[in-house]
Protein backbone atom coordinates (compact mmCIF):
# COMPACT_ATOMS: atom_id res chain seq x y z
CA MET A 1 349.46 68.26 30.30
CA GLN A 2 350.33 70.99 32.79
CA LYS A 3 348.35 73.58 30.80
CA SER A 4 345.33 71.27 30.64
CA LEU A 5 345.36 70.73 34.40
CA LEU A 6 345.43 74.49 34.99
CA ILE A 7 342.47 75.02 32.64
CA VAL A 8 340.44 72.32 34.41
CA PHE A 9 341.35 73.69 37.85
CA PHE A 10 340.29 77.25 37.12
CA SER A 11 337.19 76.14 35.20
CA VAL A 12 335.97 74.28 38.28
CA PHE A 13 336.66 77.33 40.44
CA VAL A 14 334.78 79.68 38.09
CA ALA A 15 331.82 77.29 38.06
CA GLU A 16 331.72 77.37 41.85
CA VAL A 17 331.76 81.17 41.92
CA LEU A 18 329.10 81.56 39.23
CA GLY A 19 326.93 79.06 41.10
CA GLN A 20 326.92 81.09 44.32
CA PRO A 21 323.57 81.22 46.18
CA GLU A 22 321.35 84.22 45.53
CA ASN A 23 320.89 84.89 49.26
CA ARG A 24 324.58 85.64 49.83
CA ALA A 25 325.18 89.28 50.84
CA ILE A 26 327.75 90.65 48.37
CA VAL A 27 329.53 94.01 48.60
CA ASP A 28 331.87 95.73 46.13
CA GLN A 29 334.78 97.70 47.61
CA ASP A 30 338.09 99.27 46.62
CA LEU A 31 341.38 98.03 48.07
CA GLU A 32 344.95 99.25 48.35
CA TRP A 33 347.62 96.67 49.21
CA PHE A 34 351.34 97.29 49.72
CA SER A 35 354.13 94.84 50.52
CA VAL A 36 357.89 94.86 51.06
CA THR A 37 359.66 91.50 50.74
CA SER A 38 363.31 90.55 51.14
CA SER A 39 365.17 87.27 50.67
CA ILE A 40 368.45 87.22 52.60
CA ASP A 41 370.97 84.62 51.44
CA LEU A 42 372.45 82.58 54.29
CA SER A 43 374.37 80.23 52.00
CA ARG A 44 374.08 78.94 48.43
CA LYS A 45 371.22 76.70 49.51
CA PHE A 46 369.51 78.45 52.44
CA SER A 47 367.87 81.88 52.65
CA LEU A 48 365.69 83.81 55.09
CA MET A 49 362.54 85.54 53.87
CA VAL A 50 361.13 88.58 55.69
CA GLU A 51 358.05 90.50 54.61
CA GLY A 52 355.68 93.25 55.68
CA GLN A 53 352.13 93.51 54.30
CA PHE A 54 350.06 96.68 54.64
CA ARG A 55 346.50 96.21 53.42
CA TYR A 56 343.73 98.80 53.18
CA ALA A 57 340.19 98.76 51.79
CA HIS A 58 337.10 100.93 51.36
CA GLY A 59 338.92 104.25 51.10
CA PHE A 60 342.21 103.41 52.82
CA GLU A 61 340.62 102.00 55.97
CA PRO A 62 343.13 99.68 57.70
CA MET A 63 342.20 96.13 56.70
CA GLN A 64 345.12 93.95 57.72
CA TYR A 65 348.82 94.20 58.59
CA GLN A 66 351.19 91.22 58.48
CA ALA A 67 354.75 90.46 59.59
CA ARG A 68 356.04 87.31 57.88
CA THR A 69 359.25 85.28 57.93
CA ALA A 70 360.35 81.87 56.66
CA LEU A 71 363.31 79.62 55.94
CA ASP A 72 363.73 78.73 52.25
CA ILE A 73 365.79 75.82 50.92
CA LYS A 74 366.82 75.77 47.27
CA LEU A 75 366.49 72.28 45.76
CA GLY A 76 368.26 72.45 42.42
CA ASP A 77 367.34 74.93 39.68
CA HIS A 78 363.56 74.57 39.80
CA PHE A 79 362.33 73.85 43.34
CA VAL A 80 362.33 75.88 46.54
CA LEU A 81 361.09 74.26 49.77
CA THR A 82 359.86 76.23 52.77
CA PRO A 83 359.75 73.74 55.67
CA ILE A 84 358.65 76.36 58.21
CA GLY A 85 357.23 79.85 58.05
CA TYR A 86 355.49 82.16 60.50
CA VAL A 87 353.25 85.20 60.18
CA TYR A 88 351.46 87.40 62.69
CA THR A 89 348.35 89.17 61.42
CA TRP A 90 346.64 92.25 62.83
CA ASN A 91 343.01 92.42 61.64
CA TYR A 92 340.81 95.52 61.73
CA HIS A 93 337.19 96.55 61.30
CA TYR A 94 336.79 97.79 57.74
CA GLY A 95 334.39 98.18 54.86
CA ARG A 96 330.71 97.42 54.50
CA GLN A 97 330.83 93.98 56.16
CA PRO A 98 332.98 94.61 59.26
CA ALA A 99 333.71 91.71 61.58
CA VAL A 100 332.19 91.84 65.06
CA PHE A 101 335.63 91.57 66.72
CA GLU A 102 339.16 92.43 65.61
CA ASN A 103 340.64 88.95 65.95
CA ASN A 104 344.39 88.77 65.34
CA GLU A 105 346.18 85.61 64.25
CA HIS A 106 349.29 83.46 64.68
CA ARG A 107 349.99 81.37 61.60
CA LEU A 108 352.45 78.61 60.71
CA TRP A 109 352.94 77.66 57.07
CA GLU A 110 354.90 75.44 54.72
CA GLN A 111 355.19 75.53 50.94
CA ILE A 112 356.81 74.13 47.81
CA LEU A 113 357.59 76.35 44.81
CA TYR A 114 358.30 75.09 41.29
CA LYS A 115 359.91 77.56 38.87
CA HIS A 116 360.40 77.22 35.12
CA LYS A 117 360.39 79.21 31.87
CA LEU A 118 357.90 79.17 29.02
CA PHE A 119 359.35 79.56 25.51
CA GLY A 120 362.67 80.37 27.18
CA LEU A 121 361.30 83.82 27.97
CA VAL A 122 358.39 83.95 30.46
CA VAL A 123 359.36 83.21 34.08
CA THR A 124 356.60 81.21 35.79
CA ASP A 125 356.12 79.52 39.13
CA HIS A 126 353.59 77.26 40.82
CA ARG A 127 353.27 77.64 44.59
CA LEU A 128 351.44 75.27 46.94
CA ARG A 129 351.14 76.50 50.53
CA LEU A 130 349.70 74.85 53.66
CA GLU A 131 348.68 77.02 56.61
CA GLN A 132 347.86 76.24 60.24
CA ARG A 133 345.96 79.23 61.62
CA PHE A 134 345.43 80.17 65.29
CA ILE A 135 342.93 83.04 65.44
CA GLN A 136 341.73 84.99 68.44
CA SER A 137 338.22 84.15 69.61
CA HIS A 138 335.62 86.24 71.44
CA ILE A 139 332.12 85.19 72.48
CA VAL A 140 329.12 87.25 73.53
CA THR A 141 327.46 86.08 76.76
CA PRO A 142 323.65 86.08 77.32
CA ASP A 143 323.96 89.31 79.31
CA ASP A 144 325.75 90.97 76.34
CA GLY A 145 329.17 90.64 77.94
CA VAL A 146 332.26 89.62 75.97
CA VAL A 147 334.59 86.76 76.89
CA TYR A 148 338.04 86.55 75.32
CA GLU A 149 339.07 82.92 74.68
CA GLY A 150 342.62 83.44 73.40
CA TYR A 151 343.82 82.03 70.08
CA LYS A 152 341.24 79.26 70.21
CA ASN A 153 339.86 79.40 66.68
CA ARG A 154 341.97 76.91 64.72
CA GLN A 155 341.72 76.62 60.96
CA PHE A 156 343.62 74.88 58.18
CA ARG A 157 344.02 76.39 54.72
CA VAL A 158 345.42 75.29 51.35
CA ARG A 159 346.57 77.87 48.78
CA TYR A 160 347.65 77.42 45.16
CA ARG A 161 349.14 80.26 43.12
CA PHE A 162 350.23 80.46 39.48
CA GLN A 163 352.47 83.42 38.64
CA ALA A 164 354.14 84.60 35.44
CA ARG A 165 356.44 87.48 34.50
CA ALA A 166 357.17 88.34 30.86
CA PRO A 167 360.04 90.73 29.97
CA LEU A 168 359.00 93.59 27.70
CA ASN A 169 362.28 95.16 26.58
CA SER A 170 364.72 92.28 26.94
CA ARG A 171 365.02 88.53 26.48
CA GLN A 172 365.23 88.02 30.24
CA ILE A 173 364.37 89.89 33.43
CA GLU A 174 367.51 91.62 34.67
CA ALA A 175 368.57 95.11 35.77
CA GLY A 176 366.88 97.70 33.55
CA THR A 177 364.05 95.39 32.42
CA TRP A 178 360.36 96.26 32.22
CA PHE A 179 358.04 93.27 32.58
CA LEU A 180 354.38 92.33 32.82
CA GLY A 181 353.43 90.39 35.95
CA ILE A 182 350.30 88.31 36.55
CA TYR A 183 349.17 85.87 39.22
CA ASP A 184 346.08 83.93 40.22
CA GLU A 185 345.74 82.40 43.70
CA VAL A 186 342.95 80.19 45.05
CA PHE A 187 342.23 79.38 48.74
CA VAL A 188 340.31 76.55 50.45
CA SER A 189 339.71 76.59 54.24
CA ARG A 190 338.78 73.98 56.84
CA GLY A 191 337.94 74.22 60.54
CA LYS A 192 335.15 74.00 63.11
CA THR A 193 334.16 77.63 62.54
CA VAL A 194 334.30 77.33 58.74
CA THR A 195 330.94 76.37 57.25
CA PHE A 196 331.83 77.13 53.61
CA HIS A 197 334.15 74.38 52.34
CA GLU A 198 334.50 75.28 48.67
CA PRO A 199 337.15 77.67 47.29
CA ASP A 200 336.51 80.74 49.45
CA GLN A 201 339.01 83.25 48.12
CA ASN A 202 340.53 84.16 44.76
CA ARG A 203 343.13 86.83 44.06
CA ILE A 204 343.94 87.89 40.49
CA PHE A 205 346.66 90.45 39.69
CA ILE A 206 348.00 92.03 36.51
CA GLY A 207 350.36 94.95 36.12
CA PRO A 208 353.74 96.26 34.94
CA GLY A 209 356.98 95.97 36.85
CA TYR A 210 360.56 97.17 36.65
CA GLN A 211 363.77 95.57 37.87
CA PHE A 212 366.01 98.46 38.94
CA THR A 213 369.02 96.39 40.00
CA GLU A 214 369.86 92.77 40.70
CA ARG A 215 368.41 93.32 44.17
CA LEU A 216 365.49 95.76 43.73
CA THR A 217 362.24 95.05 41.85
CA VAL A 218 358.89 96.86 41.91
CA ASN A 219 355.62 95.47 40.52
CA LEU A 220 352.31 97.38 40.64
CA GLY A 221 348.93 96.88 39.06
CA PHE A 222 345.30 95.94 39.49
CA LEU A 223 344.27 93.36 42.11
CA TYR A 224 340.88 91.66 42.28
CA GLN A 225 340.00 89.81 45.48
CA MET A 226 336.91 87.63 45.85
CA LEU A 227 336.50 86.73 49.54
CA ILE A 228 333.70 84.52 50.89
CA LYS A 229 333.41 84.73 54.68
CA ALA A 230 333.63 81.59 56.84
CA ASN A 231 329.84 81.53 57.32
CA GLY A 232 329.28 81.35 53.55
CA ALA A 233 326.59 84.05 53.79
CA GLN A 234 328.76 87.10 53.06
CA GLN A 235 331.11 87.93 50.21
CA GLU A 236 333.46 90.78 49.31
CA ASN A 237 334.38 91.66 45.73
CA ASN A 238 337.36 93.98 46.12
CA LEU A 239 339.18 95.72 43.26
CA GLY A 240 342.07 98.14 43.48
CA LEU A 241 345.81 98.70 43.54
CA GLN A 242 348.61 96.41 44.66
CA VAL A 243 352.24 97.54 44.97
CA MET A 244 354.94 94.91 45.63
CA VAL A 245 358.52 95.93 46.40
CA THR A 246 361.21 93.24 46.54
CA TYR A 247 364.74 93.85 47.82
CA ASN A 248 366.99 90.79 48.01
CA VAL A 249 370.29 90.54 49.86
CA LYS A 250 372.60 88.40 47.71
CA ARG A 251 375.81 86.64 48.68
CA LYS A 252 378.94 87.83 46.96
CA SER A 253 380.49 85.47 44.46
CA GLY A 254 382.79 82.98 46.11
CA GLU A 255 381.30 83.33 49.58
């Protein structure tokens, strides 16, 4: 049942993308994304997530930087709830479709994560995330002046991600294990300034990874990003490298 729902979901998304209007301006660009993520155990149930994202495109032009944090609550063996998260985003002019203004963003978010294994071997998770976005706004006056309106542009976004990691030289992912990682994430946005209300972004990743220790894991590979701008008239097809470093701070046994 779960597999069938995933097939239907992604089939609908692909149909939307293939049915895109011919008058949309589409550009192809390279990208280079790097992230460092850490989960710091506060107790057996609670942990603090901190993350830095460093994103580049079109020949290592700065695209976006992010500082993210969140409180995670472990609910049994399969579920993790994030009741509150925060991220600040620095946006830059980049690529062949640069934005008029570099509008930064405050963002609140919540999510639920469901983890399980396939065939007792492949570690998978389903992540549903809700985001409340507060983006800087600038307007151009009739005399070509610019008025800054603060973080006035408010948007709401829903994200769903499926992720899987399959060990390559062991029965489970542990210290000394090579693995293959994949994920597919789909985005849908809403807001007064959003005129395109269908899935407007898709990220697909595949690449090898290695777990060095219980705490340190590195995953790198190819990332494809399809991004439709809020006006629905512009689209980026970005393909390149993504490197994800994870370092977790675990509690000692008995603490």
